[in-house]
Amino acid sequence: EGNDGGATVSTDGGATWSTEHNQPTGQFYHVNLDHQFPFHIYGA
C-alpha cells in the first residue's frame, strides 16, 4: 500500500504493517540554515 508516508507491506490482510520510516523519500518544500557550528538545517 502507498500513502503520504511511503510504501508499507502487510502479510496478514492489513492487521499489521511494515514501518513507514524506512525510505528517505520525504518531499522538502524549502530549506533554511542557522549560524550554529555545526550549522543546523530547517525545512518543511
PDB file of all heavy atoms in Angstrom:
ATOM      1  N   GLU A   1       0.832  -1.202   0.000  1.00  0.00           N
ATOM      2  CA  GLU A   1       0.000   0.000   0.000  1.00  0.00           C
ATOM      3  C   GLU A   1       0.864   1.248   0.000  1.00  0.00           C
ATOM      4  O   GLU A   1       1.915   1.287   0.643  1.00  0.00           O
ATOM      5  CB  GLU A   1      -0.906  -0.032   1.240  1.00  0.00           C
ATOM      6  CG  GLU A   1      -2.056   0.956   1.202  1.00  0.00           C
ATOM      7  CD  GLU A   1      -1.781   2.221   2.009  1.00  0.00           C
ATOM      8  OE1 GLU A   1      -0.698   2.315   2.625  1.00  0.00           O
ATOM      9  OE2 GLU A   1      -2.642   3.119   2.008  1.00  0.00           O
ATOM     10  N   GLY A   2       0.463   2.256  -0.787  1.00  0.00           N
ATOM     11  CA  GLY A   2       1.188   3.517  -0.854  1.00  0.00           C
ATOM     12  C   GLY A   2       0.393   4.647  -0.231  1.00  0.00           C
ATOM     13  O   GLY A   2      -0.810   4.783  -0.486  1.00  0.00           O
ATOM     14  N   ASN A   3       1.060   5.460   0.591  1.00  0.00           N
ATOM     15  CA  ASN A   3       0.414   6.593   1.241  1.00  0.00           C
ATOM     16  C   ASN A   3       1.383   7.772   1.311  1.00  0.00           C
ATOM     17  O   ASN A   3       2.483   7.710   0.756  1.00  0.00           O
ATOM     18  CB  ASN A   3      -0.089   6.191   2.633  1.00  0.00           C
ATOM     19  CG  ASN A   3       1.005   5.581   3.482  1.00  0.00           C
ATOM     20  OD1 ASN A   3       2.031   6.201   3.732  1.00  0.00           O
ATOM     21  ND2 ASN A   3       0.812   4.328   3.925  1.00  0.00           N
ATOM     22  N   ASP A   4       1.001   8.833   1.988  1.00  0.00           N
ATOM     23  CA  ASP A   4       1.846  10.018   2.048  1.00  0.00           C
ATOM     24  C   ASP A   4       3.075   9.831   2.928  1.00  0.00           C
ATOM     25  O   ASP A   4       3.908  10.737   3.018  1.00  0.00           O
ATOM     26  CB  ASP A   4       1.038  11.215   2.554  1.00  0.00           C
ATOM     27  CG  ASP A   4       0.305  11.928   1.429  1.00  0.00           C
ATOM     28  OD1 ASP A   4       0.207  11.343   0.332  1.00  0.00           O
ATOM     29  OD2 ASP A   4      -0.161  13.061   1.635  1.00  0.00           O
ATOM     30  N   GLY A   5       3.214   8.664   3.560  1.00  0.00           N
ATOM     31  CA  GLY A   5       4.401   8.376   4.347  1.00  0.00           C
ATOM     32  C   GLY A   5       5.290   7.322   3.716  1.00  0.00           C
ATOM     33  O   GLY A   5       6.249   6.872   4.330  1.00  0.00           O
ATOM     34  N   GLY A   6       4.982   6.916   2.479  1.00  0.00           N
ATOM     35  CA  GLY A   6       5.794   5.926   1.790  1.00  0.00           C
ATOM     36  C   GLY A   6       4.989   4.701   1.406  1.00  0.00           C
ATOM     37  O   GLY A   6       3.767   4.749   1.244  1.00  0.00           O
ATOM     38  N   ALA A   7       5.681   3.569   1.267  1.00  0.00           N
ATOM     39  CA  ALA A   7       5.043   2.301   0.950  1.00  0.00           C
ATOM     40  C   ALA A   7       5.153   1.368   2.148  1.00  0.00           C
ATOM     41  O   ALA A   7       6.171   1.352   2.838  1.00  0.00           O
ATOM     42  CB  ALA A   7       5.699   1.654  -0.269  1.00  0.00           C
ATOM     43  N   THR A   8       4.102   0.597   2.381  1.00  0.00           N
ATOM     44  CA  THR A   8       4.068  -0.287   3.542  1.00  0.00           C
ATOM     45  C   THR A   8       3.458  -1.627   3.148  1.00  0.00           C
ATOM     46  O   THR A   8       2.604  -1.694   2.255  1.00  0.00           O
ATOM     47  CB  THR A   8       3.280   0.371   4.695  1.00  0.00           C
ATOM     48  OG1 THR A   8       3.321  -0.463   5.846  1.00  0.00           O
ATOM     49  CG2 THR A   8       1.843   0.611   4.298  1.00  0.00           C
ATOM     50  N   VAL A   9       3.898  -2.701   3.792  1.00  0.00           N
ATOM     51  CA  VAL A   9       3.510  -4.057   3.423  1.00  0.00           C
ATOM     52  C   VAL A   9       2.804  -4.745   4.584  1.00  0.00           C
ATOM     53  O   VAL A   9       3.211  -4.617   5.740  1.00  0.00           O
ATOM     54  CB  VAL A   9       4.753  -4.891   3.017  1.00  0.00           C
ATOM     55  CG1 VAL A   9       4.354  -6.334   2.725  1.00  0.00           C
ATOM     56  CG2 VAL A   9       5.430  -4.275   1.805  1.00  0.00           C
ATOM     57  N   SER A  10       1.747  -5.470   4.256  1.00  0.00           N
ATOM     58  CA  SER A  10       1.072  -6.325   5.230  1.00  0.00           C
ATOM     59  C   SER A  10       1.086  -7.754   4.717  1.00  0.00           C
ATOM     60  O   SER A  10       0.886  -7.997   3.523  1.00  0.00           O
ATOM     61  CB  SER A  10      -0.375  -5.873   5.452  1.00  0.00           C
ATOM     62  OG  SER A  10      -1.050  -6.770   6.318  1.00  0.00           O
ATOM     63  N   THR A  11       1.315  -8.696   5.612  1.00  0.00           N
ATOM     64  CA  THR A  11       1.265 -10.124   5.253  1.00  0.00           C
ATOM     65  C   THR A  11       0.091 -10.830   5.924  1.00  0.00           C
ATOM     66  O   THR A  11      -0.028 -12.052   5.836  1.00  0.00           O
ATOM     67  CB  THR A  11       2.575 -10.817   5.647  1.00  0.00           C
ATOM     68  OG1 THR A  11       2.785 -10.673   7.050  1.00  0.00           O
ATOM     69  CG2 THR A  11       3.749 -10.223   4.886  1.00  0.00           C
ATOM     70  N   ASP A  12      -0.768 -10.041   6.587  1.00  0.00           N
ATOM     71  CA  ASP A  12      -1.908 -10.627   7.293  1.00  0.00           C
ATOM     72  C   ASP A  12      -3.208  -9.894   6.976  1.00  0.00           C
ATOM     73  O   ASP A  12      -4.050  -9.697   7.838  1.00  0.00           O
ATOM     74  CB  ASP A  12      -1.653 -10.642   8.801  1.00  0.00           C
ATOM     75  CG  ASP A  12      -1.254  -9.282   9.352  1.00  0.00           C
ATOM     76  OD1 ASP A  12      -1.440  -8.257   8.644  1.00  0.00           O
ATOM     77  OD2 ASP A  12      -0.746  -9.231  10.488  1.00  0.00           O
ATOM     78  N   GLY A  13      -3.337  -9.475   5.723  1.00  0.00           N
ATOM     79  CA  GLY A  13      -4.586  -8.857   5.303  1.00  0.00           C
ATOM     80  C   GLY A  13      -4.838  -7.480   5.864  1.00  0.00           C
ATOM     81  O   GLY A  13      -5.982  -7.028   5.892  1.00  0.00           O
ATOM     82  N   GLY A  14      -3.812  -6.792   6.306  1.00  0.00           N
ATOM     83  CA  GLY A  14      -3.963  -5.425   6.795  1.00  0.00           C
ATOM     84  C   GLY A  14      -4.028  -5.291   8.291  1.00  0.00           C
ATOM     85  O   GLY A  14      -4.177  -4.172   8.799  1.00  0.00           O
ATOM     86  N   ALA A  15      -3.895  -6.378   9.033  1.00  0.00           N
ATOM     87  CA  ALA A  15      -3.915  -6.287  10.501  1.00  0.00           C
ATOM     88  C   ALA A  15      -2.662  -5.590  11.021  1.00  0.00           C
ATOM     89  O   ALA A  15      -2.734  -4.784  11.955  1.00  0.00           O
ATOM     90  CB  ALA A  15      -4.051  -7.678  11.117  1.00  0.00           C
ATOM     91  N   THR A  16      -1.503  -5.889  10.431  1.00  0.00           N
ATOM     92  CA  THR A  16      -0.250  -5.247  10.802  1.00  0.00           C
ATOM     93  C   THR A  16       0.484  -4.834   9.532  1.00  0.00           C
ATOM     94  O   THR A  16       0.266  -5.399   8.444  1.00  0.00           O
ATOM     95  CB  THR A  16       0.650  -6.174  11.638  1.00  0.00           C
ATOM     96  OG1 THR A  16       0.947  -7.352  10.863  1.00  0.00           O
ATOM     97  CG2 THR A  16      -0.049  -6.584  12.931  1.00  0.00           C
ATOM     98  N   TRP A  17       1.397  -3.847   9.683  1.00  0.00           N
ATOM     99  CA  TRP A  17       2.099  -3.288   8.524  1.00  0.00           C
ATOM    100  C   TRP A  17       3.572  -3.069   8.833  1.00  0.00           C
ATOM    101  O   TRP A  17       3.956  -2.875   9.995  1.00  0.00           O
ATOM    102  CB  TRP A  17       1.478  -1.942   8.133  1.00  0.00           C
ATOM    103  CG  TRP A  17       0.035  -2.035   7.739  1.00  0.00           C
ATOM    104  CD1 TRP A  17      -1.050  -1.951   8.566  1.00  0.00           C
ATOM    105  CD2 TRP A  17      -0.481  -2.250   6.425  1.00  0.00           C
ATOM    106  NE1 TRP A  17      -2.210  -2.095   7.845  1.00  0.00           N
ATOM    107  CE2 TRP A  17      -1.896  -2.271   6.524  1.00  0.00           C
ATOM    108  CE3 TRP A  17       0.101  -2.403   5.166  1.00  0.00           C
ATOM    109  CZ2 TRP A  17      -2.721  -2.449   5.421  1.00  0.00           C
ATOM    110  CZ3 TRP A  17      -0.708  -2.579   4.065  1.00  0.00           C
ATOM    111  CH2 TRP A  17      -2.112  -2.606   4.194  1.00  0.00           C
ATOM    112  N   SER A  18       4.389  -3.083   7.785  1.00  0.00           N
ATOM    113  CA  SER A  18       5.793  -2.716   7.939  1.00  0.00           C
ATOM    114  C   SER A  18       5.889  -1.228   8.248  1.00  0.00           C
ATOM    115  O   SER A  18       4.966  -0.453   7.993  1.00  0.00           O
ATOM    116  CB  SER A  18       6.576  -3.050   6.662  1.00  0.00           C
ATOM    117  OG  SER A  18       6.068  -2.313   5.554  1.00  0.00           O
ATOM    118  N   THR A  19       7.034  -0.799   8.792  1.00  0.00           N
ATOM    119  CA  THR A  19       7.189   0.575   9.237  1.00  0.00           C
ATOM    120  C   THR A  19       7.244   1.552   8.077  1.00  0.00           C
ATOM    121  O   THR A  19       7.624   1.193   6.954  1.00  0.00           O
ATOM    122  CB  THR A  19       8.463   0.725  10.084  1.00  0.00           C
ATOM    123  OG1 THR A  19       8.602   2.093  10.490  1.00  0.00           O
ATOM    124  CG2 THR A  19       9.700   0.340   9.274  1.00  0.00           C
ATOM    125  N   GLU A  20       6.891   2.808   8.356  1.00  0.00           N
ATOM    126  CA  GLU A  20       6.963   3.847   7.325  1.00  0.00           C
ATOM    127  C   GLU A  20       8.336   4.520   7.299  1.00  0.00           C
ATOM    128  O   GLU A  20       8.715   5.132   6.301  1.00  0.00           O
ATOM    129  CB  GLU A  20       5.899   4.918   7.588  1.00  0.00           C
ATOM    130  CG  GLU A  20       6.065   5.628   8.929  1.00  0.00           C
ATOM    131  CD  GLU A  20       5.031   6.700   9.150  1.00  0.00           C
ATOM    132  OE1 GLU A  20       4.774   7.484   8.222  1.00  0.00           O
ATOM    133  OE2 GLU A  20       4.476   6.756  10.254  1.00  0.00           O
ATOM    134  N   HIS A  21       9.101   4.456   8.392  1.00  0.00           N
ATOM    135  CA  HIS A  21      10.364   5.179   8.470  1.00  0.00           C
ATOM    136  C   HIS A  21      11.518   4.337   7.947  1.00  0.00           C
ATOM    137  O   HIS A  21      12.513   4.111   8.630  1.00  0.00           O
ATOM    138  CB  HIS A  21      10.631   5.616   9.912  1.00  0.00           C
ATOM    139  CG  HIS A  21       9.648   6.632  10.417  1.00  0.00           C
ATOM    140  ND1 HIS A  21       9.278   7.731   9.676  1.00  0.00           N
ATOM    141  CD2 HIS A  21       8.957   6.717  11.574  1.00  0.00           C
ATOM    142  CE1 HIS A  21       8.404   8.452  10.364  1.00  0.00           C
ATOM    143  NE2 HIS A  21       8.182   7.846  11.518  1.00  0.00           N
ATOM    144  N   ASN A  22      11.401   3.855   6.711  1.00  0.00           N
ATOM    145  CA  ASN A  22      12.491   3.090   6.122  1.00  0.00           C
ATOM    146  C   ASN A  22      12.736   3.485   4.668  1.00  0.00           C
ATOM    147  O   ASN A  22      13.318   2.728   3.915  1.00  0.00           O
ATOM    148  CB  ASN A  22      12.234   1.582   6.239  1.00  0.00           C
ATOM    149  CG  ASN A  22      10.933   1.163   5.580  1.00  0.00           C
ATOM    150  OD1 ASN A  22      10.219   1.975   5.007  1.00  0.00           O
ATOM    151  ND2 ASN A  22      10.618  -0.125   5.649  1.00  0.00           N
ATOM    152  N   GLN A  23      12.290   4.678   4.283  1.00  0.00           N
ATOM    153  CA  GLN A  23      12.502   5.196   2.930  1.00  0.00           C
ATOM    154  C   GLN A  23      12.831   6.687   3.011  1.00  0.00           C
ATOM    155  O   GLN A  23      12.014   7.462   3.492  1.00  0.00           O
ATOM    156  CB  GLN A  23      11.247   5.004   2.078  1.00  0.00           C
ATOM    157  CG  GLN A  23      10.756   3.579   2.001  1.00  0.00           C
ATOM    158  CD  GLN A  23       9.246   3.492   1.901  1.00  0.00           C
ATOM    159  OE1 GLN A  23       8.608   4.326   1.279  1.00  0.00           O
ATOM    160  NE2 GLN A  23       8.669   2.482   2.529  1.00  0.00           N
ATOM    161  N   PRO A  24      14.005   7.110   2.572  1.00  0.00           N
ATOM    162  CA  PRO A  24      14.358   8.538   2.628  1.00  0.00           C
ATOM    163  C   PRO A  24      13.819   9.285   1.412  1.00  0.00           C
ATOM    164  O   PRO A  24      14.565   9.752   0.557  1.00  0.00           O
ATOM    165  CB  PRO A  24      15.885   8.508   2.646  1.00  0.00           C
ATOM    166  CG  PRO A  24      16.222   7.299   1.838  1.00  0.00           C
ATOM    167  CD  PRO A  24      15.128   6.294   2.106  1.00  0.00           C
ATOM    168  N   THR A  25      12.502   9.405   1.324  1.00  0.00           N
ATOM    169  CA  THR A  25      11.878   9.984   0.130  1.00  0.00           C
ATOM    170  C   THR A  25      10.988  11.172   0.454  1.00  0.00           C
ATOM    171  O   THR A  25      10.118  11.530  -0.326  1.00  0.00           O
ATOM    172  CB  THR A  25      11.052   8.910  -0.600  1.00  0.00           C
ATOM    173  OG1 THR A  25      10.117   8.327   0.325  1.00  0.00           O
ATOM    174  CG2 THR A  25      11.943   7.817  -1.153  1.00  0.00           C
ATOM    175  N   GLY A  26      11.187  11.790   1.635  1.00  0.00           N
ATOM    176  CA  GLY A  26      10.368  12.934   2.007  1.00  0.00           C
ATOM    177  C   GLY A  26      10.541  14.096   1.036  1.00  0.00           C
ATOM    178  O   GLY A  26      11.625  14.327   0.506  1.00  0.00           O
ATOM    179  N   GLN A  27       9.464  14.825   0.809  1.00  0.00           N
ATOM    180  CA  GLN A  27       9.482  15.969  -0.105  1.00  0.00           C
ATOM    181  C   GLN A  27       9.676  17.254   0.694  1.00  0.00           C
ATOM    182  O   GLN A  27       8.780  17.681   1.419  1.00  0.00           O
ATOM    183  CB  GLN A  27       8.168  16.065  -0.872  1.00  0.00           C
ATOM    184  CG  GLN A  27       7.873  14.886  -1.775  1.00  0.00           C
ATOM    185  CD  GLN A  27       6.470  14.977  -2.317  1.00  0.00           C
ATOM    186  OE1 GLN A  27       5.546  14.394  -1.756  1.00  0.00           O
ATOM    187  NE2 GLN A  27       6.282  15.697  -3.403  1.00  0.00           N
ATOM    188  N   PHE A  28      10.821  17.892   0.531  1.00  0.00           N
ATOM    189  CA  PHE A  28      11.061  19.161   1.216  1.00  0.00           C
ATOM    190  C   PHE A  28      10.659  20.323   0.307  1.00  0.00           C
ATOM    191  O   PHE A  28      11.068  20.404  -0.843  1.00  0.00           O
ATOM    192  CB  PHE A  28      12.534  19.285   1.601  1.00  0.00           C
ATOM    193  CG  PHE A  28      12.843  18.741   2.969  1.00  0.00           C
ATOM    194  CD1 PHE A  28      13.081  17.390   3.148  1.00  0.00           C
ATOM    195  CD2 PHE A  28      12.849  19.575   4.074  1.00  0.00           C
ATOM    196  CE1 PHE A  28      13.334  16.878   4.403  1.00  0.00           C
ATOM    197  CE2 PHE A  28      13.098  19.070   5.334  1.00  0.00           C
ATOM    198  CZ  PHE A  28      13.347  17.718   5.503  1.00  0.00           C
ATOM    199  N   TYR A  29       9.876  21.235   0.873  1.00  0.00           N
ATOM    200  CA  TYR A  29       9.457  22.406   0.123  1.00  0.00           C
ATOM    201  C   TYR A  29      10.511  23.504   0.138  1.00  0.00           C
ATOM    202  O   TYR A  29      10.603  24.305  -0.782  1.00  0.00           O
ATOM    203  CB  TYR A  29       8.148  22.953   0.697  1.00  0.00           C
ATOM    204  CG  TYR A  29       6.945  22.107   0.371  1.00  0.00           C
ATOM    205  CD1 TYR A  29       6.298  21.353   1.349  1.00  0.00           C
ATOM    206  CD2 TYR A  29       6.445  22.055  -0.923  1.00  0.00           C
ATOM    207  CE1 TYR A  29       5.186  20.592   1.050  1.00  0.00           C
ATOM    208  CE2 TYR A  29       5.335  21.295  -1.231  1.00  0.00           C
ATOM    209  CZ  TYR A  29       4.712  20.562  -0.240  1.00  0.00           C
ATOM    210  OH  TYR A  29       3.614  19.803  -0.551  1.00  0.00           O
ATOM    211  N   HIS A  30      11.279  23.596   1.211  1.00  0.00           N
ATOM    212  CA  HIS A  30      12.326  24.617   1.293  1.00  0.00           C
ATOM    213  C   HIS A  30      13.291  24.229   2.393  1.00  0.00           C
ATOM    214  O   HIS A  30      13.019  23.339   3.211  1.00  0.00           O
ATOM    215  CB  HIS A  30      11.740  26.003   1.584  1.00  0.00           C
ATOM    216  CG  HIS A  30      11.144  26.114   2.953  1.00  0.00           C
ATOM    217  ND1 HIS A  30      11.880  26.496   4.045  1.00  0.00           N
ATOM    218  CD2 HIS A  30       9.898  25.874   3.423  1.00  0.00           C
ATOM    219  CE1 HIS A  30      11.107  26.486   5.124  1.00  0.00           C
ATOM    220  NE2 HIS A  30       9.903  26.098   4.763  1.00  0.00           N
ATOM    221  N   VAL A  31      14.446  24.895   2.441  1.00  0.00           N
ATOM    222  CA  VAL A  31      15.475  24.623   3.440  1.00  0.00           C
ATOM    223  C   VAL A  31      16.030  25.939   3.954  1.00  0.00           C
ATOM    224  O   VAL A  31      16.245  26.879   3.178  1.00  0.00           O
ATOM    225  CB  VAL A  31      16.626  23.780   2.839  1.00  0.00           C
ATOM    226  CG1 VAL A  31      17.752  23.620   3.852  1.00  0.00           C
ATOM    227  CG2 VAL A  31      16.131  22.415   2.411  1.00  0.00           C
ATOM    228  N   ASN A  32      16.249  26.009   5.275  1.00  0.00           N
ATOM    229  CA  ASN A  32      16.919  27.151   5.892  1.00  0.00           C
ATOM    230  C   ASN A  32      18.049  26.664   6.791  1.00  0.00           C
ATOM    231  O   ASN A  32      18.024  25.516   7.270  1.00  0.00           O
ATOM    232  CB  ASN A  32      15.936  28.001   6.714  1.00  0.00           C
ATOM    233  CG  ASN A  32      15.221  29.022   5.854  1.00  0.00           C
ATOM    234  OD1 ASN A  32      15.865  29.837   5.200  1.00  0.00           O
ATOM    235  ND2 ASN A  32      13.897  28.972   5.833  1.00  0.00           N
ATOM    236  N   LEU A  33      19.035  27.533   7.039  1.00  0.00           N
ATOM    237  CA  LEU A  33      20.185  27.213   7.885  1.00  0.00           C
ATOM    238  C   LEU A  33      20.317  28.237   8.997  1.00  0.00           C
ATOM    239  O   LEU A  33      19.825  29.364   8.878  1.00  0.00           O
ATOM    240  CB  LEU A  33      21.474  27.214   7.056  1.00  0.00           C
ATOM    241  CG  LEU A  33      21.476  26.396   5.755  1.00  0.00           C
ATOM    242  CD1 LEU A  33      22.793  26.598   5.010  1.00  0.00           C
ATOM    243  CD2 LEU A  33      21.241  24.926   6.041  1.00  0.00           C
ATOM    244  N   ASP A  34      20.985  27.856  10.084  1.00  0.00           N
ATOM    245  CA  ASP A  34      21.267  28.826  11.144  1.00  0.00           C
ATOM    246  C   ASP A  34      22.782  29.016  11.267  1.00  0.00           C
ATOM    247  O   ASP A  34      23.556  28.556  10.417  1.00  0.00           O
ATOM    248  CB  ASP A  34      20.627  28.401  12.473  1.00  0.00           C
ATOM    249  CG  ASP A  34      21.220  27.110  13.036  1.00  0.00           C
ATOM    250  OD1 ASP A  34      22.328  26.714  12.620  1.00  0.00           O
ATOM    251  OD2 ASP A  34      20.568  26.493  13.896  1.00  0.00           O
ATOM    252  N   HIS A  35      23.219  29.723  12.354  1.00  0.00           N
ATOM    253  CA  HIS A  35      24.626  30.081  12.494  1.00  0.00           C
ATOM    254  C   HIS A  35      25.342  29.263  13.557  1.00  0.00           C
ATOM    255  O   HIS A  35      26.428  29.637  14.000  1.00  0.00           O
ATOM    256  CB  HIS A  35      24.746  31.577  12.821  1.00  0.00           C
ATOM    257  CG  HIS A  35      24.297  32.461  11.700  1.00  0.00           C
ATOM    258  ND1 HIS A  35      22.971  32.846  11.559  1.00  0.00           N
ATOM    259  CD2 HIS A  35      24.961  33.000  10.659  1.00  0.00           C
ATOM    260  CE1 HIS A  35      22.854  33.611  10.487  1.00  0.00           C
ATOM    261  NE2 HIS A  35      24.049  33.727   9.926  1.00  0.00           N
ATOM    262  N   GLN A  36      24.753  28.178  13.994  1.00  0.00           N
ATOM    263  CA  GLN A  36      25.456  27.312  14.931  1.00  0.00           C
ATOM    264  C   GLN A  36      26.641  26.632  14.223  1.00  0.00           C
ATOM    265  O   GLN A  36      26.765  26.651  13.000  1.00  0.00           O
ATOM    266  CB  GLN A  36      24.512  26.230  15.469  1.00  0.00           C
ATOM    267  CG  GLN A  36      23.322  26.740  16.247  1.00  0.00           C
ATOM    268  CD  GLN A  36      22.500  25.598  16.804  1.00  0.00           C
ATOM    269  OE1 GLN A  36      22.957  24.884  17.696  1.00  0.00           O
ATOM    270  NE2 GLN A  36      21.290  25.428  16.288  1.00  0.00           N
ATOM    271  N   PHE A  37      27.502  26.017  15.023  1.00  0.00           N
ATOM    272  CA  PHE A  37      28.584  25.212  14.464  1.00  0.00           C
ATOM    273  C   PHE A  37      28.599  23.852  15.151  1.00  0.00           C
ATOM    274  O   PHE A  37      28.814  23.796  16.373  1.00  0.00           O
ATOM    275  CB  PHE A  37      29.947  25.893  14.640  1.00  0.00           C
ATOM    276  CG  PHE A  37      31.061  25.106  13.989  1.00  0.00           C
ATOM    277  CD1 PHE A  37      31.305  25.238  12.629  1.00  0.00           C
ATOM    278  CD2 PHE A  37      31.823  24.220  14.729  1.00  0.00           C
ATOM    279  CE1 PHE A  37      32.316  24.504  12.024  1.00  0.00           C
ATOM    280  CE2 PHE A  37      32.827  23.470  14.127  1.00  0.00           C
ATOM    281  CZ  PHE A  37      33.079  23.621  12.773  1.00  0.00           C
ATOM    282  N   PRO A  38      28.396  22.758  14.419  1.00  0.00           N
ATOM    283  CA  PRO A  38      27.973  22.749  13.010  1.00  0.00           C
ATOM    284  C   PRO A  38      26.584  23.379  12.841  1.00  0.00           C
ATOM    285  O   PRO A  38      25.755  23.325  13.758  1.00  0.00           O
ATOM    286  CB  PRO A  38      27.928  21.262  12.673  1.00  0.00           C
ATOM    287  CG  PRO A  38      28.672  20.562  13.751  1.00  0.00           C
ATOM    288  CD  PRO A  38      28.511  21.392  14.975  1.00  0.00           C
ATOM    289  N   PHE A  39      26.368  23.971  11.687  1.00  0.00           N
ATOM    290  CA  PHE A  39      25.087  24.634  11.463  1.00  0.00           C
ATOM    291  C   PHE A  39      23.962  23.596  11.445  1.00  0.00           C
ATOM    292  O   PHE A  39      24.167  22.431  11.146  1.00  0.00           O
ATOM    293  CB  PHE A  39      25.119  25.431  10.167  1.00  0.00           C
ATOM    294  CG  PHE A  39      25.334  24.612   8.920  1.00  0.00           C
ATOM    295  CD1 PHE A  39      24.274  24.011   8.257  1.00  0.00           C
ATOM    296  CD2 PHE A  39      26.616  24.463   8.394  1.00  0.00           C
ATOM    297  CE1 PHE A  39      24.478  23.255   7.110  1.00  0.00           C
ATOM    298  CE2 PHE A  39      26.826  23.709   7.236  1.00  0.00           C
ATOM    299  CZ  PHE A  39      25.759  23.110   6.602  1.00  0.00           C
ATOM    300  N   HIS A  40      22.761  24.046  11.785  1.00  0.00           N
ATOM    301  CA  HIS A  40      21.576  23.185  11.761  1.00  0.00           C
ATOM    302  C   HIS A  40      20.719  23.525  10.548  1.00  0.00           C
ATOM    303  O   HIS A  40      20.793  24.635  10.009  1.00  0.00           O
ATOM    304  CB  HIS A  40      20.770  23.347  13.048  1.00  0.00           C
ATOM    305  CG  HIS A  40      21.364  22.592  14.206  1.00  0.00           C
ATOM    306  ND1 HIS A  40      20.609  21.899  15.108  1.00  0.00           N
ATOM    307  CD2 HIS A  40      22.651  22.410  14.594  1.00  0.00           C
ATOM    308  CE1 HIS A  40      21.376  21.332  16.009  1.00  0.00           C
ATOM    309  NE2 HIS A  40      22.631  21.628  15.720  1.00  0.00           N
ATOM    310  N   ILE A  41      19.903  22.561  10.163  1.00  0.00           N
ATOM    311  CA  ILE A  41      19.099  22.655   8.951  1.00  0.00           C
ATOM    312  C   ILE A  41      17.624  22.618   9.324  1.00  0.00           C
ATOM    313  O   ILE A  41      17.208  21.851  10.200  1.00  0.00           O
ATOM    314  CB  ILE A  41      19.431  21.490   8.000  1.00  0.00           C
ATOM    315  CG1 ILE A  41      20.933  21.486   7.682  1.00  0.00           C
ATOM    316  CG2 ILE A  41      18.619  21.569   6.713  1.00  0.00           C
ATOM    317  CD1 ILE A  41      21.434  20.173   7.176  1.00  0.00           C
ATOM    318  N   TYR A  42      16.834  23.438   8.644  1.00  0.00           N
ATOM    319  CA  TYR A  42      15.401  23.538   8.917  1.00  0.00           C
ATOM    320  C   TYR A  42      14.645  23.395   7.596  1.00  0.00           C
ATOM    321  O   TYR A  42      15.076  23.907   6.563  1.00  0.00           O
ATOM    322  CB  TYR A  42      15.057  24.893   9.542  1.00  0.00           C
ATOM    323  CG  TYR A  42      15.808  25.190  10.810  1.00  0.00           C
ATOM    324  CD1 TYR A  42      17.141  25.613  10.772  1.00  0.00           C
ATOM    325  CD2 TYR A  42      15.201  25.063  12.055  1.00  0.00           C
ATOM    326  CE1 TYR A  42      17.846  25.888  11.936  1.00  0.00           C
ATOM    327  CE2 TYR A  42      15.892  25.346  13.231  1.00  0.00           C
ATOM    328  CZ  TYR A  42      17.219  25.755  13.158  1.00  0.00           C
ATOM    329  OH  TYR A  42      17.901  26.026  14.304  1.00  0.00           O
ATOM    330  N   GLY A  43      13.512  22.703   7.626  1.00  0.00           N
ATOM    331  CA  GLY A  43      12.725  22.596   6.407  1.00  0.00           C
ATOM    332  C   GLY A  43      11.369  21.986   6.654  1.00  0.00           C
ATOM    333  O   GLY A  43      11.140  21.322   7.667  1.00  0.00           O
ATOM    334  N   ALA A  44      10.466  22.232   5.702  1.00  0.00           N
ATOM    335  CA  ALA A  44       9.094  21.716   5.786  1.00  0.00           C
ATOM    336  C   ALA A  44       8.900  20.646   4.726  1.00  0.00           C
ATOM    337  O   ALA A  44       9.318  20.793   3.579  1.00  0.00           O
ATOM    338  CB  ALA A  44       8.098  22.849   5.577  1.00  0.00           C
TER     339      ALA A  44
END
